[in-house]
Amino acid sequence: MTDEEKKTIRNEFANCVNMAPQELEDWLETSKSKSVGDSDTGESTGHEYGRHIVKIRRTHVADLSEDQYHQMRKVVGYAHRHLAQRPDGDIEETNWRYSLMNWGHDPLKT
């Protein structure tokens, strides 16, 4: 992966993930966070990725691994696909929003 590709991924990730690390950590501890997503192991994919996002956000750019860049790419892809499926009406108390929040994006934030 080139430096330019890494920079693009970091920018897309930063534009997509609008929750601060502590905010996301606190959210992941809630029952609402744990209630959404597909899971074969007891923890949903989104919930697991939320933990990865916190770690990525707390890692210095120079210390990011190739695996973390792949994780960032996956987060951006998920968020873009999920945002395109926005339901009608009030989204505040919806599984759609909760799922996005597990991936570090709160659609109610501007």
PDB file of N, CA and C in Angstrom:
ATOM      1  N   MET A   1       0.854  -1.180   0.000  1.00  0.00           N
ATOM      2  CA  MET A   1       0.000   0.000   0.000  1.00  0.00           C
ATOM      3  C   MET A   1       0.898   1.241   0.000  1.00  0.00           C
ATOM      4  N   THR A   2       0.607   2.152  -0.914  1.00  0.00           N
ATOM      5  CA  THR A   2       1.443   3.349  -1.031  1.00  0.00           C
ATOM      6  C   THR A   2       1.083   4.358   0.058  1.00  0.00           C
ATOM      7  N   ASP A   3       1.968   5.317   0.263  1.00  0.00           N
ATOM      8  CA  ASP A   3       1.707   6.376   1.238  1.00  0.00           C
ATOM      9  C   ASP A   3       0.461   7.173   0.848  1.00  0.00           C
ATOM     10  N   GLU A   4       0.279   7.392  -0.450  1.00  0.00           N
ATOM     11  CA  GLU A   4      -0.896   8.138  -0.923  1.00  0.00           C
ATOM     12  C   GLU A   4      -2.187   7.355  -0.641  1.00  0.00           C
ATOM     13  N   GLU A   5      -2.167   6.058  -0.844  1.00  0.00           N
ATOM     14  CA  GLU A   5      -3.337   5.221  -0.536  1.00  0.00           C
ATOM     15  C   GLU A   5      -3.641   5.265   0.957  1.00  0.00           C
ATOM     16  N   LYS A   6      -2.607   5.200   1.765  1.00  0.00           N
ATOM     17  CA  LYS A   6      -2.794   5.261   3.220  1.00  0.00           C
ATOM     18  C   LYS A   6      -3.400   6.599   3.624  1.00  0.00           C
ATOM     19  N   LYS A   7      -2.920   7.672   3.034  1.00  0.00           N
ATOM     20  CA  LYS A   7      -3.456   8.994   3.344  1.00  0.00           C
ATOM     21  C   LYS A   7      -4.931   9.087   2.961  1.00  0.00           C
ATOM     22  N   THR A   8      -5.283   8.564   1.814  1.00  0.00           N
ATOM     23  CA  THR A   8      -6.680   8.570   1.370  1.00  0.00           C
ATOM     24  C   THR A   8      -7.554   7.781   2.337  1.00  0.00           C
ATOM     25  N   ILE A   9      -7.086   6.621   2.741  1.00  0.00           N
ATOM     26  CA  ILE A   9      -7.846   5.792   3.681  1.00  0.00           C
ATOM     27  C   ILE A   9      -8.015   6.521   5.014  1.00  0.00           C
ATOM     28  N   ARG A  10      -6.946   7.133   5.508  1.00  0.00           N
ATOM     29  CA  ARG A  10      -7.045   7.865   6.779  1.00  0.00           C
ATOM     30  C   ARG A  10      -8.051   9.009   6.676  1.00  0.00           C
ATOM     31  N   ASN A  11      -8.038   9.723   5.570  1.00  0.00           N
ATOM     32  CA  ASN A  11      -8.984  10.838   5.388  1.00  0.00           C
ATOM     33  C   ASN A  11     -10.423  10.349   5.315  1.00  0.00           C
ATOM     34  N   GLU A  12     -10.671   9.279   4.565  1.00  0.00           N
ATOM     35  CA  GLU A  12     -12.017   8.725   4.470  1.00  0.00           C
ATOM     36  C   GLU A  12     -12.496   8.234   5.836  1.00  0.00           C
ATOM     37  N   PHE A  13     -11.612   7.588   6.565  1.00  0.00           N
ATOM     38  CA  PHE A  13     -11.927   7.081   7.896  1.00  0.00           C
ATOM     39  C   PHE A  13     -12.259   8.239   8.833  1.00  0.00           C
ATOM     40  N   ALA A  14     -11.445   9.292   8.792  1.00  0.00           N
ATOM     41  CA  ALA A  14     -11.670  10.456   9.659  1.00  0.00           C
ATOM     42  C   ALA A  14     -12.998  11.142   9.328  1.00  0.00           C
ATOM     43  N   ASN A  15     -13.362  11.163   8.060  1.00  0.00           N
ATOM     44  CA  ASN A  15     -14.635  11.767   7.660  1.00  0.00           C
ATOM     45  C   ASN A  15     -15.824  10.903   8.043  1.00  0.00           C
ATOM     46  N   CYS A  16     -15.594   9.629   8.149  1.00  0.00           N
ATOM     47  CA  CYS A  16     -16.677   8.683   8.427  1.00  0.00           C
ATOM     48  C   CYS A  16     -16.912   8.499   9.930  1.00  0.00           C
ATOM     49  N   VAL A  17     -15.851   8.340  10.676  1.00  0.00           N
ATOM     50  CA  VAL A  17     -15.946   8.070  12.119  1.00  0.00           C
ATOM     51  C   VAL A  17     -16.052   9.414  12.836  1.00  0.00           C
ATOM     52  N   ASN A  18     -17.258   9.698  13.332  1.00  0.00           N
ATOM     53  CA  ASN A  18     -17.470  11.003  13.978  1.00  0.00           C
ATOM     54  C   ASN A  18     -17.650  10.901  15.490  1.00  0.00           C
ATOM     55  N   MET A  19     -17.373   9.737  16.057  1.00  0.00           N
ATOM     56  CA  MET A  19     -17.441   9.565  17.499  1.00  0.00           C
ATOM     57  C   MET A  19     -16.016   9.524  18.063  1.00  0.00           C
ATOM     58  N   ALA A  20     -15.800  10.247  19.155  1.00  0.00           N
ATOM     59  CA  ALA A  20     -14.504  10.251  19.828  1.00  0.00           C
ATOM     60  C   ALA A  20     -14.256   8.878  20.453  1.00  0.00           C
ATOM     61  N   PRO A  21     -12.990   8.496  20.637  1.00  0.00           N
ATOM     62  CA  PRO A  21     -12.699   7.178  21.204  1.00  0.00           C
ATOM     63  C   PRO A  21     -13.429   6.897  22.524  1.00  0.00           C
ATOM     64  N   GLN A  22     -13.407   7.828  23.468  1.00  0.00           N
ATOM     65  CA  GLN A  22     -14.072   7.593  24.748  1.00  0.00           C
ATOM     66  C   GLN A  22     -15.584   7.501  24.574  1.00  0.00           C
ATOM     67  N   GLU A  23     -16.125   8.325  23.716  1.00  0.00           N
ATOM     68  CA  GLU A  23     -17.560   8.300  23.425  1.00  0.00           C
ATOM     69  C   GLU A  23     -17.962   6.934  22.849  1.00  0.00           C
ATOM     70  N   LEU A  24     -17.156   6.422  21.937  1.00  0.00           N
ATOM     71  CA  LEU A  24     -17.441   5.118  21.349  1.00  0.00           C
ATOM     72  C   LEU A  24     -17.276   4.011  22.385  1.00  0.00           C
ATOM     73  N   GLU A  25     -16.242   4.089  23.186  1.00  0.00           N
ATOM     74  CA  GLU A  25     -16.057   3.088  24.252  1.00  0.00           C
ATOM     75  C   GLU A  25     -17.258   3.061  25.190  1.00  0.00           C
ATOM     76  N   ASP A  26     -17.724   4.229  25.593  1.00  0.00           N
ATOM     77  CA  ASP A  26     -18.887   4.309  26.484  1.00  0.00           C
ATOM     78  C   ASP A  26     -20.119   3.722  25.802  1.00  0.00           C
ATOM     79  N   TRP A  27     -20.304   4.034  24.520  1.00  0.00           N
ATOM     80  CA  TRP A  27     -21.448   3.515  23.775  1.00  0.00           C
ATOM     81  C   TRP A  27     -21.402   1.987  23.703  1.00  0.00           C
ATOM     82  N   LEU A  28     -20.231   1.424  23.456  1.00  0.00           N
ATOM     83  CA  LEU A  28     -20.098  -0.028  23.314  1.00  0.00           C
ATOM     84  C   LEU A  28     -20.450  -0.783  24.587  1.00  0.00           C
ATOM     85  N   GLU A  29     -20.461  -0.092  25.719  1.00  0.00           N
ATOM     86  CA  GLU A  29     -20.823  -0.720  26.990  1.00  0.00           C
ATOM     87  C   GLU A  29     -22.333  -0.753  27.215  1.00  0.00           C
ATOM     88  N   THR A  30     -23.108  -0.096  26.379  1.00  0.00           N
ATOM     89  CA  THR A  30     -24.553  -0.015  26.601  1.00  0.00           C
ATOM     90  C   THR A  30     -25.278  -1.254  26.071  1.00  0.00           C
ATOM     91  N   SER A  31     -26.444  -1.500  26.628  1.00  0.00           N
ATOM     92  CA  SER A  31     -27.252  -2.629  26.158  1.00  0.00           C
ATOM     93  C   SER A  31     -27.752  -2.387  24.734  1.00  0.00           C
ATOM     94  N   LYS A  32     -27.999  -1.126  24.376  1.00  0.00           N
ATOM     95  CA  LYS A  32     -28.444  -0.820  23.011  1.00  0.00           C
ATOM     96  C   LYS A  32     -27.364  -1.191  22.006  1.00  0.00           C
ATOM     97  N   SER A  33     -26.126  -0.908  22.332  1.00  0.00           N
ATOM     98  CA  SER A  33     -25.024  -1.255  21.440  1.00  0.00           C
ATOM     99  C   SER A  33     -24.925  -2.764  21.259  1.00  0.00           C
ATOM    100  N   LYS A  34     -25.074  -3.480  22.331  1.00  0.00           N
ATOM    101  CA  LYS A  34     -24.930  -4.935  22.291  1.00  0.00           C
ATOM    102  C   LYS A  34     -26.142  -5.640  21.692  1.00  0.00           C
ATOM    103  N   SER A  35     -27.233  -4.899  21.497  1.00  0.00           N
ATOM    104  CA  SER A  35     -28.481  -5.520  21.031  1.00  0.00           C
ATOM    105  C   SER A  35     -28.600  -5.606  19.515  1.00  0.00           C
ATOM    106  N   VAL A  36     -27.673  -4.996  18.780  1.00  0.00           N
ATOM    107  CA  VAL A  36     -27.812  -4.957  17.319  1.00  0.00           C
ATOM    108  C   VAL A  36     -26.666  -5.671  16.619  1.00  0.00           C
ATOM    109  N   GLY A  37     -26.939  -6.109  15.394  1.00  0.00           N
ATOM    110  CA  GLY A  37     -25.909  -6.711  14.550  1.00  0.00           C
ATOM    111  C   GLY A  37     -25.976  -8.218  14.514  1.00  0.00           C
ATOM    112  N   ASP A  38     -25.323  -8.756  13.502  1.00  0.00           N
ATOM    113  CA  ASP A  38     -25.251 -10.204  13.319  1.00  0.00           C
ATOM    114  C   ASP A  38     -24.078 -10.757  14.101  1.00  0.00           C
ATOM    115  N   SER A  39     -24.306 -11.930  14.691  1.00  0.00           N
ATOM    116  CA  SER A  39     -23.252 -12.511  15.510  1.00  0.00           C
ATOM    117  C   SER A  39     -23.309 -14.025  15.466  1.00  0.00           C
ATOM    118  N   ASP A  40     -22.155 -14.625  15.278  1.00  0.00           N
ATOM    119  CA  ASP A  40     -22.034 -16.076  15.405  1.00  0.00           C
ATOM    120  C   ASP A  40     -21.346 -16.443  16.714  1.00  0.00           C
ATOM    121  N   THR A  41     -20.713 -15.449  17.335  1.00  0.00           N
ATOM    122  CA  THR A  41     -19.883 -15.737  18.511  1.00  0.00           C
ATOM    123  C   THR A  41     -20.357 -15.040  19.774  1.00  0.00           C
ATOM    124  N   GLY A  42     -21.483 -14.352  19.722  1.00  0.00           N
ATOM    125  CA  GLY A  42     -21.952 -13.618  20.888  1.00  0.00           C
ATOM    126  C   GLY A  42     -21.707 -12.135  20.787  1.00  0.00           C
ATOM    127  N   GLU A  43     -20.725 -11.731  20.006  1.00  0.00           N
ATOM    128  CA  GLU A  43     -20.453 -10.309  19.789  1.00  0.00           C
ATOM    129  C   GLU A  43     -20.654 -10.024  18.303  1.00  0.00           C
ATOM    130  N   SER A  44     -21.431  -8.986  18.010  1.00  0.00           N
ATOM    131  CA  SER A  44     -21.675  -8.652  16.607  1.00  0.00           C
ATOM    132  C   SER A  44     -20.398  -8.131  15.951  1.00  0.00           C
ATOM    133  N   THR A  45     -20.376  -8.226  14.636  1.00  0.00           N
ATOM    134  CA  THR A  45     -19.236  -7.725  13.872  1.00  0.00           C
ATOM    135  C   THR A  45     -19.030  -6.243  14.126  1.00  0.00           C
ATOM    136  N   GLY A  46     -20.118  -5.475  14.115  1.00  0.00           N
ATOM    137  CA  GLY A  46     -20.023  -4.037  14.346  1.00  0.00           C
ATOM    138  C   GLY A  46     -19.472  -3.712  15.723  1.00  0.00           C
ATOM    139  N   HIS A  47     -19.919  -4.461  16.723  1.00  0.00           N
ATOM    140  CA  HIS A  47     -19.437  -4.238  18.090  1.00  0.00           C
ATOM    141  C   HIS A  47     -17.941  -4.517  18.164  1.00  0.00           C
ATOM    142  N   GLU A  48     -17.511  -5.595  17.542  1.00  0.00           N
ATOM    143  CA  GLU A  48     -16.089  -5.931  17.508  1.00  0.00           C
ATOM    144  C   GLU A  48     -15.304  -4.828  16.796  1.00  0.00           C
ATOM    145  N   TYR A  49     -15.837  -4.360  15.671  1.00  0.00           N
ATOM    146  CA  TYR A  49     -15.143  -3.302  14.934  1.00  0.00           C
ATOM    147  C   TYR A  49     -15.099  -2.003  15.724  1.00  0.00           C
ATOM    148  N   GLY A  50     -16.096  -1.763  16.531  1.00  0.00           N
ATOM    149  CA  GLY A  50     -16.065  -0.582  17.390  1.00  0.00           C
ATOM    150  C   GLY A  50     -14.827  -0.581  18.265  1.00  0.00           C
ATOM    151  N   ARG A  51     -14.493  -1.740  18.801  1.00  0.00           N
ATOM    152  CA  ARG A  51     -13.280  -1.841  19.632  1.00  0.00           C
ATOM    153  C   ARG A  51     -12.029  -1.578  18.800  1.00  0.00           C
ATOM    154  N   HIS A  52     -12.009  -2.096  17.552  1.00  0.00           N
ATOM    155  CA  HIS A  52     -10.874  -1.837  16.657  1.00  0.00           C
ATOM    156  C   HIS A  52     -10.756  -0.340  16.352  1.00  0.00           C
ATOM    157  N   ILE A  53     -11.892   0.308  16.147  1.00  0.00           N
ATOM    158  CA  ILE A  53     -11.902   1.737  15.827  1.00  0.00           C
ATOM    159  C   ILE A  53     -11.292   2.546  16.970  1.00  0.00           C
ATOM    160  N   VAL A  54     -11.670   2.216  18.185  1.00  0.00           N
ATOM    161  CA  VAL A  54     -11.101   2.917  19.350  1.00  0.00           C
ATOM    162  C   VAL A  54      -9.581   2.778  19.333  1.00  0.00           C
ATOM    163  N   LYS A  55      -9.095   1.569  19.103  1.00  0.00           N
ATOM    164  CA  LYS A  55      -7.650   1.343  19.092  1.00  0.00           C
ATOM    165  C   LYS A  55      -6.991   2.125  17.953  1.00  0.00           C
ATOM    166  N   ILE A  56      -7.600   2.114  16.775  1.00  0.00           N
ATOM    167  CA  ILE A  56      -7.046   2.847  15.630  1.00  0.00           C
ATOM    168  C   ILE A  56      -6.981   4.334  15.933  1.00  0.00           C
ATOM    169  N   ARG A  57      -8.063   4.861  16.491  1.00  0.00           N
ATOM    170  CA  ARG A  57      -8.105   6.301  16.786  1.00  0.00           C
ATOM    171  C   ARG A  57      -7.051   6.706  17.818  1.00  0.00           C
ATOM    172  N   ARG A  58      -6.632   5.774  18.641  1.00  0.00           N
ATOM    173  CA  ARG A  58      -5.637   6.069  19.676  1.00  0.00           C
ATOM    174  C   ARG A  58      -4.209   5.718  19.238  1.00  0.00           C
ATOM    175  N   THR A  59      -4.059   5.287  18.005  1.00  0.00           N
ATOM    176  CA  THR A  59      -2.741   4.912  17.480  1.00  0.00           C
ATOM    177  C   THR A  59      -2.178   6.063  16.653  1.00  0.00           C
ATOM    178  N   HIS A  60      -0.924   6.375  16.854  1.00  0.00           N
ATOM    179  CA  HIS A  60      -0.269   7.406  16.051  1.00  0.00           C
ATOM    180  C   HIS A  60      -0.188   6.938  14.601  1.00  0.00           C
ATOM    181  N   VAL A  61      -0.319   7.861  13.678  1.00  0.00           N
ATOM    182  CA  VAL A  61      -0.330   7.541  12.251  1.00  0.00           C
ATOM    183  C   VAL A  61       0.874   6.683  11.862  1.00  0.00           C
ATOM    184  N   ALA A  62       2.035   7.035  12.331  1.00  0.00           N
ATOM    185  CA  ALA A  62       3.255   6.295  11.975  1.00  0.00           C
ATOM    186  C   ALA A  62       3.236   4.857  12.481  1.00  0.00           C
ATOM    187  N   ASP A  63       2.408   4.582  13.483  1.00  0.00           N
ATOM    188  CA  ASP A  63       2.363   3.248  14.085  1.00  0.00           C
ATOM    189  C   ASP A  63       1.209   2.385  13.574  1.00  0.00           C
ATOM    190  N   LEU A  64       0.405   2.900  12.645  1.00  0.00           N
ATOM    191  CA  LEU A  64      -0.710   2.121  12.111  1.00  0.00           C
ATOM    192  C   LEU A  64      -0.192   0.944  11.287  1.00  0.00           C
ATOM    193  N   SER A  65      -0.794  -0.215  11.500  1.00  0.00           N
ATOM    194  CA  SER A  65      -0.373  -1.421  10.779  1.00  0.00           C
ATOM    195  C   SER A  65      -1.172  -1.570   9.474  1.00  0.00           C
ATOM    196  N   GLU A  66      -0.676  -2.440   8.610  1.00  0.00           N
ATOM    197  CA  GLU A  66      -1.410  -2.739   7.371  1.00  0.00           C
ATOM    198  C   GLU A  66      -2.805  -3.268   7.701  1.00  0.00           C
ATOM    199  N   ASP A  67      -2.890  -4.107   8.727  1.00  0.00           N
ATOM    200  CA  ASP A  67      -4.179  -4.663   9.139  1.00  0.00           C
ATOM    201  C   ASP A  67      -5.133  -3.545   9.562  1.00  0.00           C
ATOM    202  N   GLN A  68      -4.620  -2.559  10.269  1.00  0.00           N
ATOM    203  CA  GLN A  68      -5.474  -1.447  10.689  1.00  0.00           C
ATOM    204  C   GLN A  68      -5.950  -0.630   9.488  1.00  0.00           C
ATOM    205  N   TYR A  69      -5.119  -0.490   8.470  1.00  0.00           N
ATOM    206  CA  TYR A  69      -5.571   0.190   7.253  1.00  0.00           C
ATOM    207  C   TYR A  69      -6.688  -0.599   6.576  1.00  0.00           C
ATOM    208  N   HIS A  70      -6.584  -1.913   6.569  1.00  0.00           N
ATOM    209  CA  HIS A  70      -7.658  -2.744   6.011  1.00  0.00           C
ATOM    210  C   HIS A  70      -8.935  -2.611   6.847  1.00  0.00           C
ATOM    211  N   GLN A  71      -8.780  -2.551   8.159  1.00  0.00           N
ATOM    212  CA  GLN A  71      -9.938  -2.355   9.030  1.00  0.00           C
ATOM    213  C   GLN A  71     -10.594  -0.996   8.764  1.00  0.00           C
ATOM    214  N   MET A  72      -9.779   0.042   8.594  1.00  0.00           N
ATOM    215  CA  MET A  72     -10.324   1.373   8.307  1.00  0.00           C
ATOM    216  C   MET A  72     -11.111   1.352   7.001  1.00  0.00           C
ATOM    217  N   ARG A  73     -10.581   0.680   6.005  1.00  0.00           N
ATOM    218  CA  ARG A  73     -11.259   0.577   4.709  1.00  0.00           C
ATOM    219  C   ARG A  73     -12.615  -0.126   4.874  1.00  0.00           C
ATOM    220  N   LYS A  74     -12.639  -1.176   5.689  1.00  0.00           N
ATOM    221  CA  LYS A  74     -13.876  -1.913   5.921  1.00  0.00           C
ATOM    222  C   LYS A  74     -14.906  -1.040   6.646  1.00  0.00           C
ATOM    223  N   VAL A  75     -14.475  -0.256   7.612  1.00  0.00           N
ATOM    224  CA  VAL A  75     -15.365   0.645   8.350  1.00  0.00           C
ATOM    225  C   VAL A  75     -15.998   1.646   7.397  1.00  0.00           C
ATOM    226  N   VAL A  76     -15.198   2.244   6.536  1.00  0.00           N
ATOM    227  CA  VAL A  76     -15.703   3.234   5.583  1.00  0.00           C
ATOM    228  C   VAL A  76     -16.720   2.591   4.646  1.00  0.00           C
ATOM    229  N   GLY A  77     -16.408   1.421   4.136  1.00  0.00           N
ATOM    230  CA  GLY A  77     -17.328   0.728   3.236  1.00  0.00           C
ATOM    231  C   GLY A  77     -18.648   0.407   3.911  1.00  0.00           C
ATOM    232  N   TYR A  78     -18.577  -0.104   5.138  1.00  0.00           N
ATOM    233  CA  TYR A  78     -19.804  -0.422   5.862  1.00  0.00           C
ATOM    234  C   TYR A  78     -20.641   0.831   6.081  1.00  0.00           C
ATOM    235  N   ALA A  79     -20.018   1.886   6.541  1.00  0.00           N
ATOM    236  CA  ALA A  79     -20.762   3.113   6.841  1.00  0.00           C
ATOM    237  C   ALA A  79     -21.434   3.667   5.590  1.00  0.00           C
ATOM    238  N   HIS A  80     -20.731   3.688   4.483  1.00  0.00           N
ATOM    239  CA  HIS A  80     -21.329   4.206   3.244  1.00  0.00           C
ATOM    240  C   HIS A  80     -22.519   3.364   2.802  1.00  0.00           C
ATOM    241  N   ARG A  81     -22.385   2.044   2.868  1.00  0.00           N
ATOM    242  CA  ARG A  81     -23.503   1.162   2.480  1.00  0.00           C
ATOM    243  C   ARG A  81     -24.685   1.352   3.419  1.00  0.00           C
ATOM    244  N   HIS A  82     -24.415   1.414   4.701  1.00  0.00           N
ATOM    245  CA  HIS A  82     -25.478   1.510   5.697  1.00  0.00           C
ATOM    246  C   HIS A  82     -26.175   2.868   5.647  1.00  0.00           C
ATOM    247  N   LEU A  83     -25.417   3.930   5.427  1.00  0.00           N
ATOM    248  CA  LEU A  83     -26.015   5.264   5.326  1.00  0.00           C
ATOM    249  C   LEU A  83     -26.970   5.350   4.139  1.00  0.00           C
ATOM    250  N   ALA A  84     -26.685   4.613   3.085  1.00  0.00           N
ATOM    251  CA  ALA A  84     -27.548   4.617   1.904  1.00  0.00           C
ATOM    252  C   ALA A  84     -28.892   3.933   2.180  1.00  0.00           C
ATOM    253  N   GLN A  85     -28.992   3.218   3.282  1.00  0.00           N
ATOM    254  CA  GLN A  85     -30.222   2.498   3.637  1.00  0.00           C
ATOM    255  C   GLN A  85     -31.004   3.205   4.742  1.00  0.00           C
ATOM    256  N   ARG A  86     -30.808   4.502   4.874  1.00  0.00           N
ATOM    257  CA  ARG A  86     -31.459   5.267   5.939  1.00  0.00           C
ATOM    258  C   ARG A  86     -32.975   5.067   5.898  1.00  0.00           C
ATOM    259  N   PRO A  87     -33.564   4.697   7.027  1.00  0.00           N
ATOM    260  CA  PRO A  87     -35.020   4.536   7.073  1.00  0.00           C
ATOM    261  C   PRO A  87     -35.721   5.893   7.111  1.00  0.00           C
ATOM    262  N   ASP A  88     -36.990   5.881   6.775  1.00  0.00           N
ATOM    263  CA  ASP A  88     -37.803   7.088   6.860  1.00  0.00           C
ATOM    264  C   ASP A  88     -38.115   7.394   8.322  1.00  0.00           C
ATOM    265  N   GLY A  89     -38.396   8.647   8.585  1.00  0.00           N
ATOM    266  CA  GLY A  89     -38.856   9.047   9.908  1.00  0.00           C
ATOM    267  C   GLY A  89     -37.722   9.308  10.885  1.00  0.00           C
ATOM    268  N   ASP A  90     -38.119   9.334  12.153  1.00  0.00           N
ATOM    269  CA  ASP A  90     -37.195   9.621  13.249  1.00  0.00           C
ATOM    270  C   ASP A  90     -36.254   8.434  13.432  1.00  0.00           C
ATOM    271  N   ILE A  91     -34.954   8.684  13.393  1.00  0.00           N
ATOM    272  CA  ILE A  91     -33.965   7.598  13.500  1.00  0.00           C
ATOM    273  C   ILE A  91     -33.322   7.492  14.875  1.00  0.00           C
ATOM    274  N   GLU A  92     -33.695   8.373  15.789  1.00  0.00           N
ATOM    275  CA  GLU A  92     -32.982   8.454  17.061  1.00  0.00           C
ATOM    276  C   GLU A  92     -32.914   7.128  17.806  1.00  0.00           C
ATOM    277  N   GLU A  93     -34.011   6.432  17.913  1.00  0.00           N
ATOM    278  CA  GLU A  93     -34.061   5.175  18.684  1.00  0.00           C
ATOM    279  C   GLU A  93     -34.227   3.977  17.750  1.00  0.00           C
ATOM    280  N   THR A  94     -33.382   3.891  16.722  1.00  0.00           N
ATOM    281  CA  THR A  94     -33.512   2.796  15.756  1.00  0.00           C
ATOM    282  C   THR A  94     -32.281   1.892  15.770  1.00  0.00           C
ATOM    283  N   ASN A  95     -32.504   0.633  15.435  1.00  0.00           N
ATOM    284  CA  ASN A  95     -31.385  -0.299  15.305  1.00  0.00           C
ATOM    285  C   ASN A  95     -30.431   0.154  14.208  1.00  0.00           C
ATOM    286  N   TRP A  96     -30.968   0.825  13.182  1.00  0.00           N
ATOM    287  CA  TRP A  96     -30.139   1.347  12.093  1.00  0.00           C
ATOM    288  C   TRP A  96     -29.076   2.296  12.658  1.00  0.00           C
ATOM    289  N   ARG A  97     -29.514   3.240  13.485  1.00  0.00           N
ATOM    290  CA  ARG A  97     -28.583   4.199  14.095  1.00  0.00           C
ATOM    291  C   ARG A  97     -27.628   3.481  15.048  1.00  0.00           C
ATOM    292  N   TYR A  98     -28.165   2.586  15.872  1.00  0.00           N
ATOM    293  CA  TYR A  98     -27.322   1.887  16.843  1.00  0.00           C
ATOM    294  C   TYR A  98     -26.217   1.095  16.139  1.00  0.00           C
ATOM    295  N   SER A  99     -26.575   0.475  15.030  1.00  0.00           N
ATOM    296  CA  SER A  99     -25.581  -0.287  14.281  1.00  0.00           C
ATOM    297  C   SER A  99     -24.481   0.621  13.752  1.00  0.00           C
ATOM    298  N   LEU A 100     -24.864   1.750  13.183  1.00  0.00           N
ATOM    299  CA  LEU A 100     -23.858   2.707  12.706  1.00  0.00           C
ATOM    300  C   LEU A 100     -22.977   3.209  13.847  1.00  0.00           C
ATOM    301  N   MET A 101     -23.575   3.435  14.985  1.00  0.00           N
ATOM    302  CA  MET A 101     -22.794   3.912  16.128  1.00  0.00           C
ATOM    303  C   MET A 101     -21.761   2.874  16.565  1.00  0.00           C
ATOM    304  N   ASN A 102     -22.091   1.588  16.456  1.00  0.00           N
ATOM    305  CA  ASN A 102     -21.103   0.553  16.768  1.00  0.00           C
ATOM    306  C   ASN A 102     -19.885   0.679  15.864  1.00  0.00           C
ATOM    307  N   TRP A 103     -20.110   1.190  14.656  1.00  0.00           N
ATOM    308  CA  TRP A 103     -19.030   1.380  13.685  1.00  0.00           C
ATOM    309  C   TRP A 103     -18.434   2.781  13.766  1.00  0.00           C
ATOM    310  N   GLY A 104     -18.771   3.523  14.831  1.00  0.00           N
ATOM    311  CA  GLY A 104     -18.145   4.819  15.078  1.00  0.00           C
ATOM    312  C   GLY A 104     -18.792   6.008  14.427  1.00  0.00           C
ATOM    313  N   HIS A 105     -19.978   5.828  13.822  1.00  0.00           N
ATOM    314  CA  HIS A 105     -20.650   6.940  13.152  1.00  0.00           C
ATOM    315  C   HIS A 105     -22.041   7.160  13.756  1.00  0.00           C
ATOM    316  N   ASP A 106     -22.252   8.341  14.324  1.00  0.00           N
ATOM    317  CA  ASP A 106     -23.574   8.693  14.824  1.00  0.00           C
ATOM    318  C   ASP A 106     -24.232   9.616  13.791  1.00  0.00           C
ATOM    319  N   PRO A 107     -25.261   9.127  13.096  1.00  0.00           N
ATOM    320  CA  PRO A 107     -25.884   9.921  12.042  1.00  0.00           C
ATOM    321  C   PRO A 107     -26.615  11.160  12.555  1.00  0.00           C
ATOM    322  N   LEU A 108     -26.801  11.283  13.862  1.00  0.00           N
ATOM    323  CA  LEU A 108     -27.442  12.484  14.409  1.00  0.00           C
ATOM    324  C   LEU A 108     -26.446  13.619  14.621  1.00  0.00           C
ATOM    325  N   LYS A 109     -25.156  13.315  14.521  1.00  0.00           N
ATOM    326  CA  LYS A 109     -24.140  14.370  14.639  1.00  0.00           C
ATOM    327  C   LYS A 109     -23.988  15.051  13.286  1.00  0.00           C
ATOM    328  N   THR A 110     -23.770  16.342  13.337  1.00  0.00           N
ATOM    329  CA  THR A 110     -23.579  17.062  12.078  1.00  0.00           C
ATOM    330  C   THR A 110     -22.117  17.216  11.748  1.00  0.00           C
TER     331      THR A 110
END
